[in-house]
């Protein structure tokens, strides 16, 4: 297990005709498409063990055919051990 856990959300603007292909490519990174709009917008959630891994995935998304822009909206990091804590 790594020392930290990172969660990030993005808005990805894609060409509407490439929306399904872009969403499938993001899901394969891995990434999670949490929502979409037929006009070409995707809400994407990433989970990664390091900041570098988050940035690398954002870079990969920006390079996908049909992607116009990928904008980081939110990023959170916390110690990985906190995932094991029981919330009461």
N, C-alpha and C. Protein backbone atom coordinates (compact mmCIF):
# COMPACT_ATOMS: atom_id res chain seq x y z
N UNK A 1 0.85 -1.17 0.00
CA UNK A 1 0.00 0.00 0.00
C UNK A 1 0.89 1.24 0.00
N UNK A 2 0.49 2.27 -0.75
CA UNK A 2 1.27 3.49 -0.79
C UNK A 2 0.97 4.34 0.43
N UNK A 3 1.73 5.41 0.59
CA UNK A 3 1.57 6.27 1.75
C UNK A 3 0.38 7.22 1.65
N UNK A 4 -0.09 7.46 0.43
CA UNK A 4 -1.21 8.38 0.26
C UNK A 4 -2.17 7.89 -0.81
N UNK A 5 -3.35 8.50 -0.81
CA UNK A 5 -4.41 8.15 -1.74
C UNK A 5 -4.93 9.46 -2.33
N UNK A 6 -5.02 9.54 -3.64
CA UNK A 6 -5.41 10.78 -4.32
C UNK A 6 -6.70 10.57 -5.11
N UNK A 7 -7.59 11.53 -4.98
CA UNK A 7 -8.84 11.55 -5.73
C UNK A 7 -8.90 12.88 -6.46
N UNK A 8 -9.26 12.84 -7.73
CA UNK A 8 -9.37 14.07 -8.52
C UNK A 8 -10.60 13.99 -9.39
N UNK A 9 -11.19 15.15 -9.66
CA UNK A 9 -12.30 15.20 -10.62
C UNK A 9 -11.95 16.20 -11.71
N UNK A 10 -12.43 15.90 -12.90
CA UNK A 10 -12.15 16.71 -14.08
C UNK A 10 -13.43 16.96 -14.86
N UNK A 11 -13.42 18.03 -15.60
CA UNK A 11 -14.40 18.23 -16.66
C UNK A 11 -13.64 18.07 -17.95
N UNK A 12 -14.10 17.17 -18.78
CA UNK A 12 -13.46 16.92 -20.07
C UNK A 12 -14.43 17.38 -21.16
N UNK A 13 -13.95 18.24 -22.03
CA UNK A 13 -14.74 18.69 -23.18
C UNK A 13 -14.23 17.92 -24.39
N UNK A 14 -15.14 17.21 -25.04
CA UNK A 14 -14.79 16.41 -26.21
C UNK A 14 -15.68 16.79 -27.38
N UNK A 15 -15.24 16.46 -28.56
CA UNK A 15 -16.09 16.65 -29.73
C UNK A 15 -17.31 15.72 -29.55
N UNK A 16 -18.51 16.25 -29.73
CA UNK A 16 -19.71 15.42 -29.49
C UNK A 16 -19.71 14.10 -30.26
N UNK A 17 -19.20 14.11 -31.48
CA UNK A 17 -19.19 12.88 -32.28
C UNK A 17 -18.18 11.85 -31.77
N UNK A 18 -17.26 12.26 -30.89
CA UNK A 18 -16.26 11.35 -30.33
C UNK A 18 -16.53 11.04 -28.86
N UNK A 19 -17.66 11.51 -28.34
CA UNK A 19 -17.94 11.40 -26.91
C UNK A 19 -17.88 9.96 -26.40
N UNK A 20 -18.54 9.04 -27.07
CA UNK A 20 -18.55 7.64 -26.62
C UNK A 20 -17.15 7.03 -26.65
N UNK A 21 -16.38 7.32 -27.69
CA UNK A 21 -15.02 6.78 -27.79
C UNK A 21 -14.12 7.36 -26.71
N UNK A 22 -14.25 8.66 -26.44
CA UNK A 22 -13.46 9.30 -25.39
C UNK A 22 -13.82 8.72 -24.03
N UNK A 23 -15.11 8.55 -23.77
CA UNK A 23 -15.54 7.98 -22.49
C UNK A 23 -14.98 6.57 -22.31
N UNK A 24 -15.03 5.75 -23.35
CA UNK A 24 -14.49 4.39 -23.26
C UNK A 24 -12.99 4.40 -23.01
N UNK A 25 -12.28 5.30 -23.66
CA UNK A 25 -10.83 5.39 -23.46
C UNK A 25 -10.49 5.83 -22.04
N UNK A 26 -11.28 6.74 -21.49
CA UNK A 26 -11.04 7.18 -20.12
C UNK A 26 -11.29 6.04 -19.14
N UNK A 27 -12.35 5.29 -19.35
CA UNK A 27 -12.66 4.15 -18.48
C UNK A 27 -11.53 3.12 -18.51
N UNK A 28 -10.81 3.03 -19.63
CA UNK A 28 -9.73 2.06 -19.77
C UNK A 28 -8.43 2.51 -19.11
N UNK A 29 -8.32 3.75 -18.64
CA UNK A 29 -7.03 4.28 -18.14
C UNK A 29 -6.49 3.67 -16.85
N UNK A 30 -7.04 3.55 -15.75
CA UNK A 30 -8.45 3.59 -15.39
C UNK A 30 -8.90 4.99 -14.96
N UNK A 31 -10.15 5.22 -15.19
CA UNK A 31 -10.83 6.43 -14.76
C UNK A 31 -12.31 6.11 -14.73
N UNK A 32 -13.08 6.94 -14.11
CA UNK A 32 -14.51 6.69 -14.01
C UNK A 32 -15.25 7.89 -14.58
N UNK A 33 -16.07 7.65 -15.60
CA UNK A 33 -16.90 8.71 -16.15
C UNK A 33 -18.17 8.74 -15.30
N UNK A 34 -18.30 9.79 -14.49
CA UNK A 34 -19.41 9.90 -13.55
C UNK A 34 -20.64 10.55 -14.16
N UNK A 35 -20.47 11.22 -15.28
CA UNK A 35 -21.59 11.87 -15.94
C UNK A 35 -21.19 12.38 -17.30
N UNK A 36 -22.19 12.60 -18.15
CA UNK A 36 -21.88 13.12 -19.48
C UNK A 36 -23.04 13.95 -20.00
N UNK A 37 -22.74 14.76 -20.98
CA UNK A 37 -23.71 15.59 -21.65
C UNK A 37 -23.51 15.38 -23.15
N UNK A 38 -24.57 15.17 -23.91
CA UNK A 38 -24.41 14.91 -25.34
C UNK A 38 -23.68 16.03 -26.09
N UNK A 39 -23.61 17.22 -25.51
CA UNK A 39 -22.89 18.32 -26.16
C UNK A 39 -21.38 18.11 -26.12
N UNK A 40 -20.90 17.09 -25.38
CA UNK A 40 -19.48 16.77 -25.38
C UNK A 40 -18.78 16.91 -24.04
N UNK A 41 -19.53 17.09 -22.96
CA UNK A 41 -18.90 17.24 -21.65
C UNK A 41 -18.96 15.94 -20.86
N UNK A 42 -17.86 15.64 -20.18
CA UNK A 42 -17.77 14.48 -19.31
C UNK A 42 -17.30 14.92 -17.93
N UNK A 43 -17.86 14.33 -16.90
CA UNK A 43 -17.36 14.49 -15.54
C UNK A 43 -16.58 13.22 -15.24
N UNK A 44 -15.32 13.37 -14.89
CA UNK A 44 -14.42 12.23 -14.71
C UNK A 44 -13.86 12.24 -13.30
N UNK A 45 -13.81 11.07 -12.68
CA UNK A 45 -13.21 10.90 -11.36
C UNK A 45 -12.02 9.96 -11.51
N UNK A 46 -10.90 10.38 -10.96
CA UNK A 46 -9.68 9.57 -10.97
C UNK A 46 -9.27 9.25 -9.55
N UNK A 47 -8.78 8.05 -9.33
CA UNK A 47 -8.18 7.65 -8.06
C UNK A 47 -6.79 7.13 -8.38
N UNK A 48 -5.80 7.56 -7.60
CA UNK A 48 -4.43 7.15 -7.88
C UNK A 48 -3.61 7.16 -6.60
N UNK A 49 -2.50 6.44 -6.59
CA UNK A 49 -1.66 6.38 -5.39
C UNK A 49 -0.74 7.58 -5.21
N UNK A 50 -0.53 8.38 -6.28
CA UNK A 50 0.38 9.52 -6.18
C UNK A 50 -0.15 10.70 -7.00
N UNK A 51 0.37 11.89 -6.68
CA UNK A 51 0.04 13.07 -7.47
C UNK A 51 0.51 12.88 -8.91
N UNK A 52 1.69 12.32 -9.07
CA UNK A 52 2.26 12.11 -10.41
C UNK A 52 1.33 11.23 -11.25
N UNK A 53 0.75 10.20 -10.64
CA UNK A 53 -0.15 9.32 -11.37
C UNK A 53 -1.40 10.08 -11.82
N UNK A 54 -1.91 10.97 -10.97
CA UNK A 54 -3.07 11.80 -11.36
C UNK A 54 -2.70 12.67 -12.55
N UNK A 55 -1.56 13.35 -12.48
CA UNK A 55 -1.13 14.23 -13.56
C UNK A 55 -0.89 13.43 -14.85
N UNK A 56 -0.30 12.25 -14.73
CA UNK A 56 -0.07 11.42 -15.91
C UNK A 56 -1.39 11.02 -16.58
N UNK A 57 -2.41 10.70 -15.78
CA UNK A 57 -3.71 10.34 -16.35
C UNK A 57 -4.39 11.54 -17.00
N UNK A 58 -4.27 12.72 -16.38
CA UNK A 58 -4.82 13.93 -17.00
C UNK A 58 -4.13 14.19 -18.33
N UNK A 59 -2.81 14.05 -18.37
CA UNK A 59 -2.07 14.23 -19.62
C UNK A 59 -2.54 13.23 -20.68
N UNK A 60 -2.75 11.99 -20.27
CA UNK A 60 -3.21 10.97 -21.21
C UNK A 60 -4.60 11.31 -21.74
N UNK A 61 -5.47 11.80 -20.88
CA UNK A 61 -6.82 12.20 -21.32
C UNK A 61 -6.74 13.34 -22.31
N UNK A 62 -5.89 14.33 -22.04
CA UNK A 62 -5.76 15.47 -22.94
C UNK A 62 -5.27 15.07 -24.32
N UNK A 63 -4.55 13.96 -24.40
CA UNK A 63 -3.99 13.51 -25.68
C UNK A 63 -4.94 12.60 -26.46
N UNK A 64 -6.07 12.24 -25.87
CA UNK A 64 -7.01 11.36 -26.58
C UNK A 64 -7.60 12.07 -27.79
N UNK A 65 -7.76 11.32 -28.86
CA UNK A 65 -8.38 11.88 -30.06
C UNK A 65 -9.81 12.32 -29.76
N UNK A 66 -10.11 13.55 -30.07
CA UNK A 66 -11.45 14.09 -29.83
C UNK A 66 -11.57 14.93 -28.58
N UNK A 67 -10.55 14.92 -27.71
CA UNK A 67 -10.59 15.73 -26.50
C UNK A 67 -10.14 17.15 -26.85
N UNK A 68 -10.96 18.11 -26.47
CA UNK A 68 -10.63 19.52 -26.68
C UNK A 68 -9.93 20.11 -25.47
N UNK A 69 -10.35 19.67 -24.26
CA UNK A 69 -9.78 20.21 -23.03
C UNK A 69 -10.10 19.28 -21.86
N UNK A 70 -9.21 19.22 -20.90
CA UNK A 70 -9.45 18.51 -19.64
C UNK A 70 -9.04 19.44 -18.52
N UNK A 71 -10.00 19.77 -17.67
CA UNK A 71 -9.79 20.76 -16.62
C UNK A 71 -9.93 20.12 -15.25
N UNK A 72 -8.88 20.20 -14.44
CA UNK A 72 -8.92 19.70 -13.07
C UNK A 72 -9.84 20.60 -12.25
N UNK A 73 -10.84 20.00 -11.62
CA UNK A 73 -11.80 20.75 -10.82
C UNK A 73 -11.53 20.58 -9.34
N UNK A 74 -11.13 19.37 -8.93
CA UNK A 74 -10.95 19.06 -7.52
C UNK A 74 -9.88 18.01 -7.37
N UNK A 75 -9.07 18.15 -6.33
CA UNK A 75 -8.07 17.13 -6.01
C UNK A 75 -7.97 17.03 -4.49
N UNK A 76 -7.95 15.80 -4.01
CA UNK A 76 -7.86 15.55 -2.57
C UNK A 76 -6.87 14.43 -2.34
N UNK A 77 -6.06 14.58 -1.29
CA UNK A 77 -5.13 13.53 -0.91
C UNK A 77 -5.21 13.33 0.59
N UNK A 78 -5.04 12.09 1.00
CA UNK A 78 -4.99 11.79 2.42
C UNK A 78 -4.16 10.53 2.62
N UNK A 79 -3.71 10.29 3.83
CA UNK A 79 -2.91 9.10 4.09
C UNK A 79 -3.71 7.84 3.75
N UNK A 80 -3.07 6.89 3.13
CA UNK A 80 -3.74 5.65 2.76
C UNK A 80 -4.29 4.92 3.97
N UNK A 81 -3.64 5.04 5.11
CA UNK A 81 -4.12 4.35 6.32
C UNK A 81 -5.51 4.82 6.73
N UNK A 82 -5.88 6.05 6.36
CA UNK A 82 -7.21 6.55 6.74
C UNK A 82 -8.33 5.78 6.03
N UNK A 83 -8.01 5.09 4.95
CA UNK A 83 -9.03 4.28 4.26
C UNK A 83 -9.43 3.06 5.09
N UNK A 84 -8.59 2.70 6.03
CA UNK A 84 -8.87 1.55 6.89
C UNK A 84 -9.63 1.94 8.16
N UNK A 85 -9.76 3.24 8.41
CA UNK A 85 -10.43 3.69 9.64
C UNK A 85 -11.93 3.47 9.55
N UNK A 86 -12.50 3.07 10.67
CA UNK A 86 -13.95 2.87 10.75
C UNK A 86 -14.59 4.22 11.07
N UNK A 87 -15.58 4.59 10.27
CA UNK A 87 -16.30 5.85 10.51
C UNK A 87 -17.55 5.53 11.32
N UNK A 88 -17.70 6.22 12.42
CA UNK A 88 -18.85 5.96 13.28
C UNK A 88 -19.76 7.15 13.34
